[in-house]
Every structure is written in C-alpha cells, then in structure tokens.
C-alpha cells in the first residue's frame, strides 16, 4: 500500500498527477474485468442497484484518495505524506462520531487531539509563524484531504452493506473511480499539462495499477480474513515507517526533529483511541 508514496513522488516527475490517477484506475479496472465479467453478465440487475453507492465509493477511494496524493507529491516529501496519511484512523473515529453517533470518551478525545496536533506540527514544520500567517506547503494540505477522503471511504464502505462479492465490488469501484477522474483528466490534459505516452508512462501506470491497487487490495483482504479487521486496519499506521524508509532510499529525504515529535503525537493519539475502542 505504501508503494503509492513512491509513485506520488517519482511517477509525477513524468506524468501529470490527475492523468496518473486516471490511467492507474482505468488499467486496474481493465486487468480485473476478465475475472468479474461473467458475474456482471449474469447479475446485472443486482449490480445496477448499487451503482450510486459504488460511484460515491469510487469517487472517494480512487478520485480523492487516488489523485490527491499524486498532486501532493509535487510539493511535499514522502515522509510528510506517510505521517499525515497515518492519521486517517482518527478521522474515521471523528466521522463516525459526527454522522453515525459513535461515542467518544475522554481518553479517546484526548488521543484525537494529540493526533491532530501531531499532523499540524508536521504541516507547519514546528514553526508557529507559518500557522499564524497561514503559509503551508500545499502538498501537505492535499495529503490531509486524502487522509480525510480515505476516512470517509472506510466509514461508508463499512456502513453500506453490499450483496456483491468483494472482488466484483472492487472492480466496479475502480471503474467508477476512473469515470469520476475523467473530466478532471481532460481539463488537465488540455489546459495544464499534456500526458506523454512513452515507456515511463507505461511503467509507472502499470506499477500503480498493480502494486498499491490490485496486490495491496488482495493482500489486505487476505489479512482481514485470516487475522481480523483490527489487525488489517492497523497496517495504515505503518505508512509513517515505510514513508520514512522510501523517502530516505529513493529521494534522499531527511527526518527533521519535528517529524519525530509529530509522529510521536500521532502514534500516542492512535494508541489512546484504539485502546479505549477495544474496551468499549
């Protein structure tokens, strides 16, 4: 899953970000379609009933969470992206509280505040003047948007029960994700930056379609089935670790002191929330 951070920083050097997101999910759908076609053919009416919900899920997972990290990668670091994205479980708790009446006790609330402080610390680079002047790295804000988008996707994926098998549902999510990105891709290609269809394009797009999309999805479901949802969901916290490793190895990025403190606040906050969630 975290290989998506490499694509966000490396792939966008060769391919415009929205184009990269669109073609990633388009080819993901094309690769999966042969394995799902017979089911769609024999169960079209069943699929049709869920089109609106799947379109919304695709727009969140593939549109917002697909394009925003690639836009972020143009102006921020892999380390920042990893830490900020690790905060997504906190936004899942907040959204569940605001829209689905999930209770939050005092220790969990304190954990949420700590996590948000950690994210803000990373975004402002531990310089309060940047917060006062509202001067941020735009990539960090795009990544924060992606984190919130993933939280929305996760919450609604859980609450919108589906009669479709997991693989077929994911195939449709990738299709509608590509559809949601299409108008933005057309605008980008005509008015901002054109896509060059060369070997770099093919390699980066196929890597994006296979590694952080299909392989990560199948492995996530395998872990979820055999070890349970709580352990499977915890892999998101490792974004910080892998983000730091990938940033150092591939892009010569360095960890600053505010990275350590920000990550510490995020992890302590998540620990407090999850610990009290298990008690409840």
Foldseek 3Di string as FASTA:
>chain_A
DLCVLVCLQPVCVAFPQLVLLLLLLVVLLVVLCVVCVVVCVVCVVQVVVCLVVLLLLLCLVRVLLRRLSSVLNVFDALLLLLLLLLLLVLLLQVCCCVPVVDDDDDLLVVLSVLLVVLNVLSQQVVDVVCVVVVPTGVSSVSSNRSSNSVSVSVNSVVVPDGPDDPSNSLSSSSVSNSVSSVVVLVCCCVPPHNHDPDPSSVVSSVCSNPPVNPVVVVVLVVCCVPPNDVVSVNVSLCSNVVSQVCRCPPPVDDDDPSSVSSNVSNVSSVCSNVVVVVVD
